[in-house]
Amino acid sequence: MPRRNRPRRDVPRSAGPAGWAQPESGPDGDWLVRSVPGSQATKPYRCPGCDHEIRPGVPHVVAWPADELGSVADRRHWHRPCWEARTRRGPTRRR
């Protein structure tokens, strides 16, 4: 059977207002969250939840406030467990 190269029209493509990010709401506000697979994680980042480095190749999430759709300065890279636990503990502060 031949491979299907065209996108399926019966499957919705847009995941939210930004298209490629999922909207999430919590007690800390509304967020847009995008998953970054390990194959696309090419730079090191500092997780605001645990203050540890997210190394290249490690899957993680990028989150930013939903009211600031295009603000690159407000995006933060989080370990997924740190993102999910953000309401149970506050962000760490570097000294």
PDB file of N, CA and C in Angstrom:
ATOM      1  N   MET A   1       0.843  -1.165   0.000  1.00  0.00           N
ATOM      2  CA  MET A   1       0.000   0.000   0.000  1.00  0.00           C
ATOM      3  C   MET A   1       0.900   1.244   0.000  1.00  0.00           C
ATOM      4  N   PRO A   2       0.604   2.236  -0.829  1.00  0.00           N
ATOM      5  CA  PRO A   2       1.443   3.437  -0.882  1.00  0.00           C
ATOM      6  C   PRO A   2       1.327   4.280   0.388  1.00  0.00           C
ATOM      7  N   ARG A   3       2.383   4.984   0.639  1.00  0.00           N
ATOM      8  CA  ARG A   3       2.417   5.863   1.799  1.00  0.00           C
ATOM      9  C   ARG A   3       1.582   7.116   1.556  1.00  0.00           C
ATOM     10  N   ARG A   4       0.932   7.600   2.583  1.00  0.00           N
ATOM     11  CA  ARG A   4       0.092   8.795   2.469  1.00  0.00           C
ATOM     12  C   ARG A   4       0.948  10.021   2.825  1.00  0.00           C
ATOM     13  N   ASN A   5       1.210  10.880   1.842  1.00  0.00           N
ATOM     14  CA  ASN A   5       2.069  12.029   2.055  1.00  0.00           C
ATOM     15  C   ASN A   5       1.309  13.311   2.343  1.00  0.00           C
ATOM     16  N   ARG A   6       0.063  13.357   2.021  1.00  0.00           N
ATOM     17  CA  ARG A   6      -0.718  14.571   2.255  1.00  0.00           C
ATOM     18  C   ARG A   6      -1.272  14.594   3.675  1.00  0.00           C
ATOM     19  N   PRO A   7      -1.344  15.797   4.276  1.00  0.00           N
ATOM     20  CA  PRO A   7      -1.924  15.859   5.625  1.00  0.00           C
ATOM     21  C   PRO A   7      -3.393  15.485   5.605  1.00  0.00           C
ATOM     22  N   ARG A   8      -3.817  14.811   6.650  1.00  0.00           N
ATOM     23  CA  ARG A   8      -5.225  14.421   6.752  1.00  0.00           C
ATOM     24  C   ARG A   8      -6.058  15.635   7.092  1.00  0.00           C
ATOM     25  N   ARG A   9      -7.151  15.829   6.413  1.00  0.00           N
ATOM     26  CA  ARG A   9      -8.005  16.990   6.642  1.00  0.00           C
ATOM     27  C   ARG A   9      -8.987  16.775   7.794  1.00  0.00           C
ATOM     28  N   ASP A  10      -9.186  15.537   8.197  1.00  0.00           N
ATOM     29  CA  ASP A  10     -10.149  15.278   9.269  1.00  0.00           C
ATOM     30  C   ASP A  10      -9.524  15.393  10.662  1.00  0.00           C
ATOM     31  N   VAL A  11      -8.217  15.641  10.754  1.00  0.00           N
ATOM     32  CA  VAL A  11      -7.537  15.788  12.032  1.00  0.00           C
ATOM     33  C   VAL A  11      -7.216  17.269  12.229  1.00  0.00           C
ATOM     34  N   PRO A  12      -7.694  17.886  13.316  1.00  0.00           N
ATOM     35  CA  PRO A  12      -7.386  19.303  13.527  1.00  0.00           C
ATOM     36  C   PRO A  12      -5.894  19.507  13.759  1.00  0.00           C
ATOM     37  N   ARG A  13      -5.338  20.533  13.131  1.00  0.00           N
ATOM     38  CA  ARG A  13      -3.905  20.786  13.222  1.00  0.00           C
ATOM     39  C   ARG A  13      -3.562  21.786  14.311  1.00  0.00           C
ATOM     40  N   SER A  14      -4.392  22.759  14.530  1.00  0.00           N
ATOM     41  CA  SER A  14      -4.079  23.802  15.498  1.00  0.00           C
ATOM     42  C   SER A  14      -4.368  23.312  16.908  1.00  0.00           C
ATOM     43  N   ALA A  15      -3.404  23.500  17.804  1.00  0.00           N
ATOM     44  CA  ALA A  15      -3.567  23.043  19.178  1.00  0.00           C
ATOM     45  C   ALA A  15      -3.986  24.163  20.113  1.00  0.00           C
ATOM     46  N   GLY A  16      -3.954  25.372  19.655  1.00  0.00           N
ATOM     47  CA  GLY A  16      -4.308  26.495  20.510  1.00  0.00           C
ATOM     48  C   GLY A  16      -4.038  27.798  19.810  1.00  0.00           C
ATOM     49  N   PRO A  17      -4.044  28.895  20.549  1.00  0.00           N
ATOM     50  CA  PRO A  17      -3.863  30.190  19.928  1.00  0.00           C
ATOM     51  C   PRO A  17      -2.531  30.334  19.200  1.00  0.00           C
ATOM     52  N   ALA A  18      -1.484  29.704  19.688  1.00  0.00           N
ATOM     53  CA  ALA A  18      -0.185  29.811  19.039  1.00  0.00           C
ATOM     54  C   ALA A  18       0.006  28.725  17.995  1.00  0.00           C
ATOM     55  N   GLY A  19      -0.922  27.805  17.864  1.00  0.00           N
ATOM     56  CA  GLY A  19      -0.837  26.742  16.858  1.00  0.00           C
ATOM     57  C   GLY A  19      -0.023  25.551  17.313  1.00  0.00           C
ATOM     58  N   TRP A  20       1.167  25.775  17.837  1.00  0.00           N
ATOM     59  CA  TRP A  20       2.053  24.678  18.205  1.00  0.00           C
ATOM     60  C   TRP A  20       2.239  24.571  19.717  1.00  0.00           C
ATOM     61  N   ALA A  21       1.516  25.379  20.467  1.00  0.00           N
ATOM     62  CA  ALA A  21       1.598  25.325  21.930  1.00  0.00           C
ATOM     63  C   ALA A  21       0.229  24.986  22.505  1.00  0.00           C
ATOM     64  N   GLN A  22       0.243  24.285  23.621  1.00  0.00           N
ATOM     65  CA  GLN A  22      -0.992  23.907  24.300  1.00  0.00           C
ATOM     66  C   GLN A  22      -1.309  24.923  25.388  1.00  0.00           C
ATOM     67  N   PRO A  23      -2.540  25.418  25.434  1.00  0.00           N
ATOM     68  CA  PRO A  23      -2.900  26.309  26.543  1.00  0.00           C
ATOM     69  C   PRO A  23      -3.104  25.500  27.825  1.00  0.00           C
ATOM     70  N   GLU A  24      -2.630  26.040  28.948  1.00  0.00           N
ATOM     71  CA  GLU A  24      -2.828  25.424  30.263  1.00  0.00           C
ATOM     72  C   GLU A  24      -3.222  26.501  31.245  1.00  0.00           C
ATOM     73  N   SER A  25      -4.126  26.167  32.125  1.00  0.00           N
ATOM     74  CA  SER A  25      -4.540  27.091  33.185  1.00  0.00           C
ATOM     75  C   SER A  25      -4.248  26.464  34.532  1.00  0.00           C
ATOM     76  N   GLY A  26      -3.858  27.288  35.471  1.00  0.00           N
ATOM     77  CA  GLY A  26      -3.584  26.825  36.820  1.00  0.00           C
ATOM     78  C   GLY A  26      -3.779  27.963  37.785  1.00  0.00           C
ATOM     79  N   PRO A  27      -3.560  27.712  39.068  1.00  0.00           N
ATOM     80  CA  PRO A  27      -3.714  28.776  40.054  1.00  0.00           C
ATOM     81  C   PRO A  27      -2.713  29.915  39.839  1.00  0.00           C
ATOM     82  N   ASP A  28      -1.652  29.649  39.094  1.00  0.00           N
ATOM     83  CA  ASP A  28      -0.647  30.678  38.823  1.00  0.00           C
ATOM     84  C   ASP A  28      -0.896  31.410  37.506  1.00  0.00           C
ATOM     85  N   GLY A  29      -2.037  31.175  36.868  1.00  0.00           N
ATOM     86  CA  GLY A  29      -2.383  31.905  35.655  1.00  0.00           C
ATOM     87  C   GLY A  29      -2.548  31.009  34.442  1.00  0.00           C
ATOM     88  N   ASP A  30      -2.684  31.657  33.287  1.00  0.00           N
ATOM     89  CA  ASP A  30      -2.830  30.959  32.013  1.00  0.00           C
ATOM     90  C   ASP A  30      -1.484  30.944  31.299  1.00  0.00           C
ATOM     91  N   TRP A  31      -1.148  29.786  30.759  1.00  0.00           N
ATOM     92  CA  TRP A  31       0.155  29.584  30.133  1.00  0.00           C
ATOM     93  C   TRP A  31      -0.006  28.954  28.758  1.00  0.00           C
ATOM     94  N   LEU A  32       0.972  29.147  27.915  1.00  0.00           N
ATOM     95  CA  LEU A  32       1.131  28.382  26.687  1.00  0.00           C
ATOM     96  C   LEU A  32       2.352  27.508  26.905  1.00  0.00           C
ATOM     97  N   VAL A  33       2.197  26.219  26.614  1.00  0.00           N
ATOM     98  CA  VAL A  33       3.243  25.244  26.913  1.00  0.00           C
ATOM     99  C   VAL A  33       3.527  24.425  25.671  1.00  0.00           C
ATOM    100  N   ARG A  34       4.804  24.285  25.362  1.00  0.00           N
ATOM    101  CA  ARG A  34       5.220  23.489  24.206  1.00  0.00           C
ATOM    102  C   ARG A  34       6.209  22.442  24.673  1.00  0.00           C
ATOM    103  N   SER A  35       6.012  21.210  24.221  1.00  0.00           N
ATOM    104  CA  SER A  35       6.953  20.134  24.522  1.00  0.00           C
ATOM    105  C   SER A  35       8.117  20.197  23.541  1.00  0.00           C
ATOM    106  N   VAL A  36       9.308  19.984  24.065  1.00  0.00           N
ATOM    107  CA  VAL A  36      10.508  19.946  23.237  1.00  0.00           C
ATOM    108  C   VAL A  36      11.072  18.531  23.327  1.00  0.00           C
ATOM    109  N   PRO A  37      11.034  17.768  22.235  1.00  0.00           N
ATOM    110  CA  PRO A  37      11.605  16.421  22.278  1.00  0.00           C
ATOM    111  C   PRO A  37      13.128  16.492  22.383  1.00  0.00           C
ATOM    112  N   GLY A  38      13.713  15.454  22.905  1.00  0.00           N
ATOM    113  CA  GLY A  38      15.160  15.426  23.084  1.00  0.00           C
ATOM    114  C   GLY A  38      15.934  15.660  21.804  1.00  0.00           C
ATOM    115  N   SER A  39      15.399  15.204  20.673  1.00  0.00           N
ATOM    116  CA  SER A  39      16.103  15.383  19.401  1.00  0.00           C
ATOM    117  C   SER A  39      16.166  16.844  18.969  1.00  0.00           C
ATOM    118  N   GLN A  40      15.281  17.689  19.507  1.00  0.00           N
ATOM    119  CA  GLN A  40      15.281  19.112  19.157  1.00  0.00           C
ATOM    120  C   GLN A  40      15.893  19.985  20.246  1.00  0.00           C
ATOM    121  N   ALA A  41      16.272  19.404  21.352  1.00  0.00           N
ATOM    122  CA  ALA A  41      16.895  20.150  22.442  1.00  0.00           C
ATOM    123  C   ALA A  41      18.396  20.204  22.172  1.00  0.00           C
ATOM    124  N   THR A  42      18.852  21.323  21.632  1.00  0.00           N
ATOM    125  CA  THR A  42      20.241  21.412  21.201  1.00  0.00           C
ATOM    126  C   THR A  42      21.102  22.340  22.051  1.00  0.00           C
ATOM    127  N   LYS A  43      20.494  23.089  22.963  1.00  0.00           N
ATOM    128  CA  LYS A  43      21.244  24.021  23.806  1.00  0.00           C
ATOM    129  C   LYS A  43      20.957  23.751  25.273  1.00  0.00           C
ATOM    130  N   PRO A  44      21.893  24.083  26.150  1.00  0.00           N
ATOM    131  CA  PRO A  44      21.612  23.948  27.588  1.00  0.00           C
ATOM    132  C   PRO A  44      20.758  25.115  28.083  1.00  0.00           C
ATOM    133  N   TYR A  45      19.873  24.823  29.028  1.00  0.00           N
ATOM    134  CA  TYR A  45      19.024  25.838  29.653  1.00  0.00           C
ATOM    135  C   TYR A  45      19.040  25.612  31.156  1.00  0.00           C
ATOM    136  N   ARG A  46      18.631  26.596  31.921  1.00  0.00           N
ATOM    137  CA  ARG A  46      18.540  26.493  33.370  1.00  0.00           C
ATOM    138  C   ARG A  46      17.067  26.406  33.741  1.00  0.00           C
ATOM    139  N   CYS A  47      16.659  25.335  34.413  1.00  0.00           N
ATOM    140  CA  CYS A  47      15.261  25.140  34.808  1.00  0.00           C
ATOM    141  C   CYS A  47      14.952  26.057  35.990  1.00  0.00           C
ATOM    142  N   PRO A  48      13.903  26.893  35.902  1.00  0.00           N
ATOM    143  CA  PRO A  48      13.568  27.768  37.026  1.00  0.00           C
ATOM    144  C   PRO A  48      12.954  27.018  38.211  1.00  0.00           C
ATOM    145  N   GLY A  49      12.523  25.796  38.010  1.00  0.00           N
ATOM    146  CA  GLY A  49      11.915  25.035  39.093  1.00  0.00           C
ATOM    147  C   GLY A  49      12.914  24.421  40.046  1.00  0.00           C
ATOM    148  N   CYS A  50      14.040  23.942  39.514  1.00  0.00           N
ATOM    149  CA  CYS A  50      15.029  23.273  40.363  1.00  0.00           C
ATOM    150  C   CYS A  50      16.403  23.926  40.297  1.00  0.00           C
ATOM    151  N   ASP A  51      16.570  24.877  39.396  1.00  0.00           N
ATOM    152  CA  ASP A  51      17.831  25.592  39.178  1.00  0.00           C
ATOM    153  C   ASP A  51      18.941  24.666  38.690  1.00  0.00           C
ATOM    154  N   HIS A  52      18.587  23.533  38.114  1.00  0.00           N
ATOM    155  CA  HIS A  52      19.571  22.637  37.505  1.00  0.00           C
ATOM    156  C   HIS A  52      19.564  22.843  36.007  1.00  0.00           C
ATOM    157  N   GLU A  53      20.648  22.452  35.391  1.00  0.00           N
ATOM    158  CA  GLU A  53      20.772  22.606  33.947  1.00  0.00           C
ATOM    159  C   GLU A  53      19.945  21.549  33.209  1.00  0.00           C
ATOM    160  N   ILE A  54      19.294  21.976  32.133  1.00  0.00           N
ATOM    161  CA  ILE A  54      18.647  21.049  31.194  1.00  0.00           C
ATOM    162  C   ILE A  54      19.652  20.865  30.072  1.00  0.00           C
ATOM    163  N   ARG A  55      20.232  19.719  29.988  1.00  0.00           N
ATOM    164  CA  ARG A  55      21.305  19.478  29.021  1.00  0.00           C
ATOM    165  C   ARG A  55      20.748  19.223  27.626  1.00  0.00           C
ATOM    166  N   PRO A  56      21.564  19.465  26.603  1.00  0.00           N
ATOM    167  CA  PRO A  56      21.132  19.149  25.233  1.00  0.00           C
ATOM    168  C   PRO A  56      20.754  17.668  25.126  1.00  0.00           C
ATOM    169  N   GLY A  57      19.681  17.402  24.410  1.00  0.00           N
ATOM    170  CA  GLY A  57      19.207  16.037  24.233  1.00  0.00           C
ATOM    171  C   GLY A  57      18.183  15.596  25.256  1.00  0.00           C
ATOM    172  N   VAL A  58      17.910  16.428  26.258  1.00  0.00           N
ATOM    173  CA  VAL A  58      16.942  16.079  27.311  1.00  0.00           C
ATOM    174  C   VAL A  58      15.583  16.672  26.946  1.00  0.00           C
ATOM    175  N   PRO A  59      14.537  15.842  26.852  1.00  0.00           N
ATOM    176  CA  PRO A  59      13.200  16.399  26.578  1.00  0.00           C
ATOM    177  C   PRO A  59      12.733  17.280  27.734  1.00  0.00           C
ATOM    178  N   HIS A  60      12.052  18.366  27.400  1.00  0.00           N
ATOM    179  CA  HIS A  60      11.569  19.303  28.409  1.00  0.00           C
ATOM    180  C   HIS A  60      10.404  20.101  27.852  1.00  0.00           C
ATOM    181  N   VAL A  61       9.925  21.097  28.588  1.00  0.00           N
ATOM    182  CA  VAL A  61       8.834  21.946  28.117  1.00  0.00           C
ATOM    183  C   VAL A  61       9.289  23.401  28.141  1.00  0.00           C
ATOM    184  N   VAL A  62       8.676  24.191  27.260  1.00  0.00           N
ATOM    185  CA  VAL A  62       8.869  25.632  27.240  1.00  0.00           C
ATOM    186  C   VAL A  62       7.526  26.253  27.582  1.00  0.00           C
ATOM    187  N   ALA A  63       7.500  27.171  28.532  1.00  0.00           N
ATOM    188  CA  ALA A  63       6.248  27.796  28.959  1.00  0.00           C
ATOM    189  C   ALA A  63       6.416  29.308  29.018  1.00  0.00           C
ATOM    190  N   TRP A  64       5.326  30.012  28.690  1.00  0.00           N
ATOM    191  CA  TRP A  64       5.292  31.468  28.794  1.00  0.00           C
ATOM    192  C   TRP A  64       3.865  31.898  29.052  1.00  0.00           C
ATOM    193  N   PRO A  65       3.681  33.077  29.650  1.00  0.00           N
ATOM    194  CA  PRO A  65       2.328  33.558  29.956  1.00  0.00           C
ATOM    195  C   PRO A  65       1.486  33.668  28.689  1.00  0.00           C
ATOM    196  N   ALA A  66       0.233  33.251  28.779  1.00  0.00           N
ATOM    197  CA  ALA A  66      -0.645  33.231  27.605  1.00  0.00           C
ATOM    198  C   ALA A  66      -0.983  34.624  27.117  1.00  0.00           C
ATOM    199  N   ASP A  67      -0.901  35.621  27.969  1.00  0.00           N
ATOM    200  CA  ASP A  67      -1.251  36.971  27.537  1.00  0.00           C
ATOM    201  C   ASP A  67      -0.136  37.660  26.757  1.00  0.00           C
ATOM    202  N   GLU A  68       1.017  37.016  26.650  1.00  0.00           N
ATOM    203  CA  GLU A  68       2.149  37.586  25.919  1.00  0.00           C
ATOM    204  C   GLU A  68       2.569  36.615  24.828  1.00  0.00           C
ATOM    205  N   LEU A  69       1.782  36.555  23.757  1.00  0.00           N
ATOM    206  CA  LEU A  69       1.962  35.542  22.722  1.00  0.00           C
ATOM    207  C   LEU A  69       3.339  35.563  22.061  1.00  0.00           C
ATOM    208  N   GLY A  70       3.882  36.702  21.785  1.00  0.00           N
ATOM    209  CA  GLY A  70       5.125  36.725  21.039  1.00  0.00           C
ATOM    210  C   GLY A  70       6.352  37.062  21.842  1.00  0.00           C
ATOM    211  N   SER A  71       6.264  37.118  23.151  1.00  0.00           N
ATOM    212  CA  SER A  71       7.376  37.578  23.972  1.00  0.00           C
ATOM    213  C   SER A  71       8.401  36.470  24.206  1.00  0.00           C
ATOM    214  N   VAL A  72       9.520  36.563  23.519  1.00  0.00           N
ATOM    215  CA  VAL A  72      10.585  35.582  23.672  1.00  0.00           C
ATOM    216  C   VAL A  72      11.236  35.713  25.048  1.00  0.00           C
ATOM    217  N   ALA A  73      11.273  36.920  25.586  1.00  0.00           N
ATOM    218  CA  ALA A  73      11.931  37.155  26.871  1.00  0.00           C
ATOM    219  C   ALA A  73      11.232  36.448  28.027  1.00  0.00           C
ATOM    220  N   ASP A  74       9.939  36.153  27.901  1.00  0.00           N
ATOM    221  CA  ASP A  74       9.197  35.526  28.989  1.00  0.00           C
ATOM    222  C   ASP A  74       9.137  34.010  28.894  1.00  0.00           C
ATOM    223  N   ARG A  75       9.724  33.420  27.857  1.00  0.00           N
ATOM    224  CA  ARG A  75       9.731  31.961  27.745  1.00  0.00           C
ATOM    225  C   ARG A  75      10.742  31.362  28.706  1.00  0.00           C
ATOM    226  N   ARG A  76      10.345  30.265  29.343  1.00  0.00           N
ATOM    227  CA  ARG A  76      11.227  29.555  30.261  1.00  0.00           C
ATOM    228  C   ARG A  76      11.216  28.071  29.927  1.00  0.00           C
ATOM    229  N   HIS A  77      12.387  27.466  30.000  1.00  0.00           N
ATOM    230  CA  HIS A  77      12.546  26.036  29.732  1.00  0.00           C
ATOM    231  C   HIS A  77      12.547  25.311  31.068  1.00  0.00           C
ATOM    232  N   TRP A  78      11.661  24.329  31.205  1.00  0.00           N
ATOM    233  CA  TRP A  78      11.467  23.589  32.450  1.00  0.00           C
ATOM    234  C   TRP A  78      11.645  22.092  32.213  1.00  0.00           C
ATOM    235  N   HIS A  79      12.174  21.385  33.225  1.00  0.00           N
ATOM    236  CA  HIS A  79      12.031  19.927  33.231  1.00  0.00           C
ATOM    237  C   HIS A  79      10.535  19.644  33.359  1.00  0.00           C
ATOM    238  N   ARG A  80      10.046  18.623  32.727  1.00  0.00           N
ATOM    239  CA  ARG A  80       8.610  18.342  32.813  1.00  0.00           C
ATOM    240  C   ARG A  80       8.142  18.125  34.261  1.00  0.00           C
ATOM    241  N   PRO A  81       8.833  17.329  35.085  1.00  0.00           N
ATOM    242  CA  PRO A  81       8.363  17.172  36.476  1.00  0.00           C
ATOM    243  C   PRO A  81       8.386  18.486  37.255  1.00  0.00           C
ATOM    244  N   CYS A  82       9.355  19.349  36.984  1.00  0.00           N
ATOM    245  CA  CYS A  82       9.403  20.649  37.663  1.00  0.00           C
ATOM    246  C   CYS A  82       8.215  21.511  37.244  1.00  0.00           C
ATOM    247  N   TRP A  83       7.873  21.478  35.958  1.00  0.00           N
ATOM    248  CA  TRP A  83       6.723  22.247  35.470  1.00  0.00           C
ATOM    249  C   TRP A  83       5.438  21.751  36.134  1.00  0.00           C
ATOM    250  N   GLU A  84       5.279  20.446  36.228  1.00  0.00           N
ATOM    251  CA  GLU A  84       4.066  19.885  36.815  1.00  0.00           C
ATOM    252  C   GLU A  84       3.982  20.151  38.321  1.00  0.00           C
ATOM    253  N   ALA A  85       5.124  20.378  38.980  1.00  0.00           N
ATOM    254  CA  ALA A  85       5.143  20.622  40.425  1.00  0.00           C
ATOM    255  C   ALA A  85       5.249  22.108  40.753  1.00  0.00           C
ATOM    256  N   ARG A  86       5.156  22.983  39.779  1.00  0.00           N
ATOM    257  CA  ARG A  86       5.400  24.415  40.004  1.00  0.00           C
ATOM    258  C   ARG A  86       4.441  25.044  40.996  1.00  0.00           C
ATOM    259  N   THR A  87       3.219  24.515  41.120  1.00  0.00           N
ATOM    260  CA  THR A  87       2.260  25.104  42.053  1.00  0.00           C
ATOM    261  C   THR A  87       2.480  24.614  43.480  1.00  0.00           C
ATOM    262  N   ARG A  88       3.221  23.517  43.641  1.00  0.00           N
ATOM    263  CA  ARG A  88       3.499  22.991  44.981  1.00  0.00           C
ATOM    264  C   ARG A  88       4.762  23.582  45.587  1.00  0.00           C
ATOM    265  N   ARG A  89       5.588  24.172  44.740  1.00  0.00           N
ATOM    266  CA  ARG A  89       6.801  24.816  45.241  1.00  0.00           C
ATOM    267  C   ARG A  89       7.107  26.030  44.370  1.00  0.00           C
ATOM    268  N   GLY A  90       7.724  27.003  44.939  1.00  0.00           N
ATOM    269  CA  GLY A  90       8.048  28.228  44.212  1.00  0.00           C
ATOM    270  C   GLY A  90       9.324  28.072  43.409  1.00  0.00           C
ATOM    271  N   PRO A  91       9.602  29.031  42.548  1.00  0.00           N
ATOM    272  CA  PRO A  91      10.851  28.966  41.795  1.00  0.00           C
ATOM    273  C   PRO A  91      12.044  29.171  42.715  1.00  0.00           C
ATOM    274  N   THR A  92      13.156  28.584  42.348  1.00  0.00           N
ATOM    275  CA  THR A  92      14.374  28.744  43.137  1.00  0.00           C
ATOM    276  C   THR A  92      15.021  30.072  42.782  1.00  0.00           C
ATOM    277  N   ARG A  93      15.838  30.557  43.662  1.00  0.00           N
ATOM    278  CA  ARG A  93      16.552  31.815  43.401  1.00  0.00           C
ATOM    279  C   ARG A  93      18.042  31.536  43.426  1.00  0.00           C
ATOM    280  N   ARG A  94      18.726  31.985  42.407  1.00  0.00           N
ATOM    281  CA  ARG A  94      20.173  31.822  42.345  1.00  0.00           C
ATOM    282  C   ARG A  94      20.828  32.870  43.231  1.00  0.00           C
ATOM    283  N   ARG A  95      21.847  32.466  43.940  1.00  0.00           N
ATOM    284  CA  ARG A  95      22.544  33.402  44.845  1.00  0.00           C
ATOM    285  C   ARG A  95      23.909  33.720  44.335  1.00  0.00           C
TER     286      ARG A  95
END
